[in-house]
Amino acid sequence: MERWIGRVALVTGASTGIGAGISRRLVEAGMKVVGAARNEERLQALKRELANKPGSFTPVKCDISKDDDILSLFATIKKEFGGVDVCINNAGMSHGHSLLEGTTEEWREMLDINVVGLCLCTREAVASMRARNVDDGQIIHISSMSGHRVTPLPAGHFYTATKFAVTALLEGLRQELRGAKSHIRIAGISPGFVETEFASRMFKDKEEAKKAFSNLQGLQADDIASSVIHVLSAPQHVQIHDILIRPTEQVS
């Protein structure tokens, strides 16, 4: 990780869960982390927590479902730091309704955050890197095991569709960067059950969310952060494509 010391990483969805865990590890490794999320209060709390670490944490309030927010985020990064060297697309969400019960508003929100927002952040990050002749940058999509199989859980079926899109976008960008003779790398990390607030937000019910982890020991946010460190630590000639990581006790 030595080559990343002092360099700039954007982490979306940084206020809690996996995003906060990744931000902690990168700041501890000496990176300048820009944490983007809607919850400004939590971002500020994380900034205070990381105040005396080797790197730095700069919070930016940003709604990844809004194009203008994302463009403003990158303008802020350019002004404050010159640009990004690493972009970690962690922001994601789900509504807990089946395909037969879901609403168009819910589907569009999931697409805007999980797919369109991810693509816009990626486009802007790569443009930032190429404008500064950064040829060793890294894009990382935090995806899901749901981008690789369809489970019998109806409440997650549309979310699964968005993550299948991320799987396709991962390979599509790899091909485009290679075609452009760029050494900017793209990687995905696809977790199974992680003990965060994701499930309680999905089901809008903390007790219902607890049931998901009642029969197994789930992954922790830091487990996913460790995979991010693994990706960033790989030699320049190594393309880590997609890491599938699940609890040992998880069925699928």
Protein backbone atom coordinates (compact mmCIF):
# COMPACT_ATOMS: atom_id res chain seq x y z
CA MET A 1 0.00 0.00 0.00
CA GLU A 2 3.03 2.30 0.14
CA ARG A 3 2.43 3.75 -3.32
CA TRP A 4 -1.01 4.97 -2.27
CA ILE A 5 0.24 7.07 0.67
CA GLY A 6 -0.88 10.68 0.18
CA ARG A 7 -3.06 9.87 -2.79
CA VAL A 8 -6.80 10.55 -3.11
CA ALA A 9 -9.59 7.99 -2.79
CA LEU A 10 -13.31 8.62 -3.18
CA VAL A 11 -15.62 6.32 -1.20
CA THR A 12 -19.36 6.64 -1.83
CA GLY A 13 -21.85 5.57 0.83
CA ALA A 14 -19.13 6.36 3.36
CA SER A 15 -21.23 7.32 6.37
CA THR A 16 -21.89 3.82 7.69
CA GLY A 17 -21.34 0.09 7.19
CA ILE A 18 -18.97 -1.07 4.47
CA GLY A 19 -18.23 2.46 3.26
CA ALA A 20 -17.20 3.63 6.71
CA GLY A 21 -15.10 0.49 7.18
CA ILE A 22 -13.29 1.05 3.89
CA SER A 23 -12.71 4.71 4.72
CA ARG A 24 -11.13 3.80 8.05
CA ARG A 25 -8.71 1.35 6.49
CA LEU A 26 -7.65 3.74 3.72
CA VAL A 27 -7.09 6.64 6.10
CA GLU A 28 -5.07 4.33 8.35
CA ALA A 29 -3.00 3.46 5.27
CA GLY A 30 -2.19 7.14 4.72
CA MET A 31 -4.62 8.00 1.93
CA LYS A 32 -6.60 11.22 1.55
CA VAL A 33 -10.16 9.89 1.60
CA VAL A 34 -13.16 11.84 0.37
CA GLY A 35 -16.23 10.28 1.93
CA ALA A 36 -19.53 10.95 0.15
CA ALA A 37 -22.98 10.20 1.58
CA ARG A 38 -26.33 11.77 2.34
CA ASN A 39 -25.94 11.64 6.13
CA GLU A 40 -23.70 14.62 6.88
CA GLU A 41 -23.86 14.14 10.65
CA ARG A 42 -22.39 10.64 10.43
CA LEU A 43 -19.73 11.80 7.99
CA GLN A 44 -18.64 14.49 10.44
CA ALA A 45 -18.53 11.94 13.26
CA LEU A 46 -16.27 9.73 11.13
CA LYS A 47 -14.03 12.71 10.39
CA ARG A 48 -13.59 13.32 14.12
CA GLU A 49 -12.86 9.63 14.71
CA LEU A 50 -10.12 9.63 12.06
CA ALA A 51 -8.59 13.00 12.95
CA ASN A 52 -5.27 11.65 14.26
CA LYS A 53 -4.70 8.88 11.71
CA PRO A 54 -1.90 8.92 9.09
CA GLY A 55 -4.19 10.01 6.26
CA SER A 56 -7.18 12.34 6.18
CA PHE A 57 -10.95 12.14 5.81
CA THR A 58 -12.91 14.85 4.02
CA PRO A 59 -16.71 14.53 4.22
CA VAL A 60 -18.88 15.69 1.32
CA LYS A 61 -22.66 15.53 1.45
CA CYS A 62 -23.82 13.89 -1.77
CA ASP A 63 -26.91 12.05 -2.99
CA ILE A 64 -25.64 9.48 -5.51
CA SER A 65 -29.10 9.33 -7.11
CA LYS A 66 -28.71 12.97 -8.26
CA ASP A 67 -26.49 13.75 -11.23
CA ASP A 68 -25.83 17.34 -10.12
CA ASP A 69 -24.67 16.16 -6.69
CA ILE A 70 -22.15 13.79 -8.27
CA LEU A 71 -20.80 16.44 -10.66
CA SER A 72 -20.52 18.88 -7.75
CA LEU A 73 -18.71 16.20 -5.73
CA PHE A 74 -16.06 15.78 -8.42
CA ALA A 75 -15.74 19.55 -8.82
CA THR A 76 -15.05 19.78 -5.09
CA ILE A 77 -12.44 17.02 -5.28
CA LYS A 78 -10.73 18.75 -8.21
CA LYS A 79 -10.64 22.06 -6.33
CA GLU A 80 -9.41 20.61 -3.03
CA PHE A 81 -7.12 17.78 -4.20
CA GLY A 82 -6.63 18.05 -7.96
CA GLY A 83 -8.53 14.83 -8.69
CA VAL A 84 -9.01 11.21 -7.66
CA ASP A 85 -6.63 8.26 -7.92
CA VAL A 86 -9.03 5.62 -6.52
CA CYS A 87 -12.82 5.49 -6.80
CA ILE A 88 -14.75 3.01 -4.66
CA ASN A 89 -18.38 2.77 -5.70
CA ASN A 90 -19.89 1.50 -2.48
CA ALA A 91 -23.24 3.32 -2.34
CA GLY A 92 -26.13 0.92 -2.87
CA MET A 93 -29.59 0.18 -1.57
CA SER A 94 -32.64 -2.06 -1.89
CA HIS A 95 -36.34 -1.99 -1.18
CA GLY A 96 -37.82 -5.15 0.29
CA HIS A 97 -40.61 -5.83 -2.19
CA SER A 98 -41.06 -8.58 -4.75
CA LEU A 99 -41.30 -7.95 -8.47
CA LEU A 100 -45.07 -8.40 -8.20
CA GLU A 101 -45.39 -5.87 -5.38
CA GLY A 102 -42.68 -3.30 -6.14
CA THR A 103 -43.35 0.21 -7.37
CA THR A 104 -41.81 2.10 -10.27
CA GLU A 105 -40.52 4.70 -7.79
CA GLU A 106 -38.62 2.03 -5.84
CA TRP A 107 -37.21 0.46 -9.00
CA ARG A 108 -36.01 3.82 -10.34
CA GLU A 109 -34.37 4.71 -7.04
CA MET A 110 -32.46 1.41 -7.01
CA LEU A 111 -31.38 1.89 -10.62
CA ASP A 112 -30.34 5.51 -10.03
CA ILE A 113 -28.13 4.62 -7.05
CA ASN A 114 -26.92 1.09 -7.82
CA VAL A 115 -26.37 1.48 -11.55
CA VAL A 116 -26.59 5.02 -12.97
CA GLY A 117 -24.84 6.72 -10.03
CA LEU A 118 -22.13 4.07 -10.10
CA CYS A 119 -21.59 4.65 -13.83
CA LEU A 120 -21.46 8.42 -13.46
CA CYS A 121 -18.94 8.26 -10.61
CA THR A 122 -16.86 5.83 -12.66
CA ARG A 123 -16.95 8.02 -15.77
CA GLU A 124 -15.93 11.11 -13.84
CA ALA A 125 -13.21 9.29 -11.90
CA VAL A 126 -11.61 7.85 -15.04
CA ALA A 127 -11.82 11.26 -16.73
CA SER A 128 -10.08 12.81 -13.70
CA MET A 129 -7.31 10.22 -13.81
CA ARG A 130 -6.72 10.53 -17.56
CA ALA A 131 -6.73 14.34 -17.47
CA ARG A 132 -3.82 14.18 -14.99
CA ASN A 133 -2.02 11.31 -16.75
CA VAL A 134 -2.69 8.99 -13.82
CA ASP A 135 -2.21 5.58 -15.43
CA ASP A 136 -2.19 3.45 -12.27
CA GLY A 137 -5.58 4.45 -10.86
CA GLN A 138 -8.12 1.99 -9.51
CA ILE A 139 -11.90 1.71 -9.73
CA ILE A 140 -13.61 -0.71 -7.33
CA HIS A 141 -17.31 -1.59 -7.47
CA ILE A 142 -18.73 -2.95 -4.21
CA SER A 143 -21.28 -5.29 -5.73
CA SER A 144 -22.93 -8.37 -4.23
CA MET A 145 -23.18 -12.14 -4.45
CA SER A 146 -26.60 -11.23 -5.84
CA GLY A 147 -24.84 -10.14 -9.00
CA HIS A 148 -23.93 -13.78 -9.64
CA ARG A 149 -27.04 -15.81 -8.77
CA VAL A 150 -30.77 -15.43 -8.19
CA THR A 151 -32.00 -16.63 -4.81
CA PRO A 152 -35.59 -17.65 -3.94
CA LEU A 153 -35.98 -14.46 -1.87
CA PRO A 154 -38.58 -12.37 -3.78
CA ALA A 155 -37.81 -9.21 -1.79
CA GLY A 156 -34.35 -9.08 -3.36
CA HIS A 157 -35.12 -9.85 -6.99
CA PHE A 158 -35.00 -6.32 -8.40
CA TYR A 159 -31.92 -5.54 -6.32
CA THR A 160 -30.39 -8.67 -7.83
CA ALA A 161 -31.10 -7.31 -11.31
CA THR A 162 -29.20 -4.12 -10.49
CA LYS A 163 -26.21 -6.13 -9.29
CA PHE A 164 -26.25 -8.32 -12.41
CA ALA A 165 -25.94 -4.99 -14.25
CA VAL A 166 -22.88 -4.15 -12.14
CA THR A 167 -21.32 -7.49 -13.13
CA ALA A 168 -21.77 -6.58 -16.79
CA LEU A 169 -20.48 -3.04 -16.24
CA LEU A 170 -17.38 -4.41 -14.52
CA GLU A 171 -16.37 -6.46 -17.56
CA GLY A 172 -17.47 -3.74 -19.98
CA LEU A 173 -15.19 -1.18 -18.35
CA ARG A 174 -12.29 -3.64 -18.24
CA GLN A 175 -12.62 -4.09 -21.98
CA GLU A 176 -12.89 -0.35 -22.65
CA LEU A 177 -9.85 0.52 -20.52
CA ARG A 178 -7.83 -2.23 -22.18
CA GLY A 179 -8.96 -1.02 -25.60
CA ALA A 180 -7.79 2.48 -24.69
CA LYS A 181 -4.40 1.02 -23.69
CA SER A 182 -4.94 2.37 -20.19
CA HIS A 183 -3.46 0.75 -17.10
CA ILE A 184 -6.25 2.06 -14.88
CA ARG A 185 -7.69 -1.07 -13.33
CA ILE A 186 -11.27 -2.05 -12.51
CA ALA A 187 -12.22 -4.57 -9.83
CA GLY A 188 -15.37 -5.79 -8.13
CA ILE A 189 -15.98 -7.10 -4.64
CA SER A 190 -19.17 -9.12 -4.23
CA PRO A 191 -20.09 -9.84 -0.60
CA GLY A 192 -22.74 -12.14 0.76
CA PHE A 193 -24.44 -11.33 4.08
CA VAL A 194 -22.68 -8.44 5.82
CA GLU A 195 -23.86 -7.26 9.24
CA THR A 196 -24.65 -3.62 8.48
CA GLU A 197 -27.76 -1.44 8.41
CA PHE A 198 -28.50 -2.56 4.83
CA ALA A 199 -31.07 -5.22 5.80
CA SER A 200 -32.93 -3.00 8.27
CA ARG A 201 -33.19 -0.27 5.64
CA MET A 202 -34.35 -2.79 3.04
CA PHE A 203 -37.10 -4.22 5.21
CA LYS A 204 -37.77 -0.97 7.14
CA ASP A 205 -37.82 -3.20 10.24
CA LYS A 206 -34.85 -3.92 12.54
CA GLU A 207 -36.41 -7.10 13.93
CA GLU A 208 -37.04 -8.47 10.46
CA ALA A 209 -33.44 -7.64 9.54
CA LYS A 210 -32.13 -9.55 12.56
CA LYS A 211 -33.71 -12.73 11.22
CA ALA A 212 -31.29 -12.68 8.27
CA PHE A 213 -28.40 -13.27 10.68
CA SER A 214 -30.16 -15.48 13.22
CA ASN A 215 -28.73 -18.71 11.81
CA LEU A 216 -25.24 -17.67 10.69
CA GLN A 217 -22.31 -15.46 11.56
CA GLY A 218 -22.31 -12.70 8.97
CA LEU A 219 -19.40 -10.85 7.47
CA GLN A 220 -18.24 -7.60 9.05
CA ALA A 221 -17.57 -4.34 7.22
CA ASP A 222 -13.85 -4.72 7.90
CA ASP A 223 -13.85 -8.07 6.07
CA ILE A 224 -14.83 -6.22 2.91
CA ALA A 225 -12.33 -3.45 3.62
CA SER A 226 -9.61 -6.12 3.77
CA SER A 227 -10.53 -7.18 0.23
CA VAL A 228 -10.23 -3.55 -0.89
CA ILE A 229 -6.72 -3.42 0.58
CA HIS A 230 -5.94 -6.69 -1.25
CA VAL A 231 -7.03 -5.18 -4.57
CA LEU A 232 -5.05 -1.97 -4.05
CA SER A 233 -1.96 -3.89 -2.95
CA ALA A 234 -1.79 -5.99 -6.12
CA PRO A 235 1.13 -5.33 -8.49
CA GLN A 236 0.41 -3.10 -11.48
CA HIS A 237 0.35 -6.04 -13.91
CA VAL A 238 -2.28 -7.93 -11.85
CA GLN A 239 -5.94 -7.42 -12.73
CA ILE A 240 -8.13 -8.66 -9.87
CA HIS A 241 -11.54 -8.95 -11.49
CA ASP A 242 -14.22 -9.88 -8.95
CA ILE A 243 -13.85 -11.20 -5.42
CA LEU A 244 -16.79 -13.30 -4.21
CA ILE A 245 -16.82 -13.33 -0.43
CA ARG A 246 -19.53 -14.91 1.74
CA PRO A 247 -19.91 -16.12 5.32
CA THR A 248 -18.71 -19.69 5.74
CA GLU A 249 -22.19 -20.71 6.89
CA GLN A 250 -24.10 -18.96 4.08
CA VAL A 251 -26.00 -21.40 1.86
CA SER A 252 -25.85 -19.64 -1.53
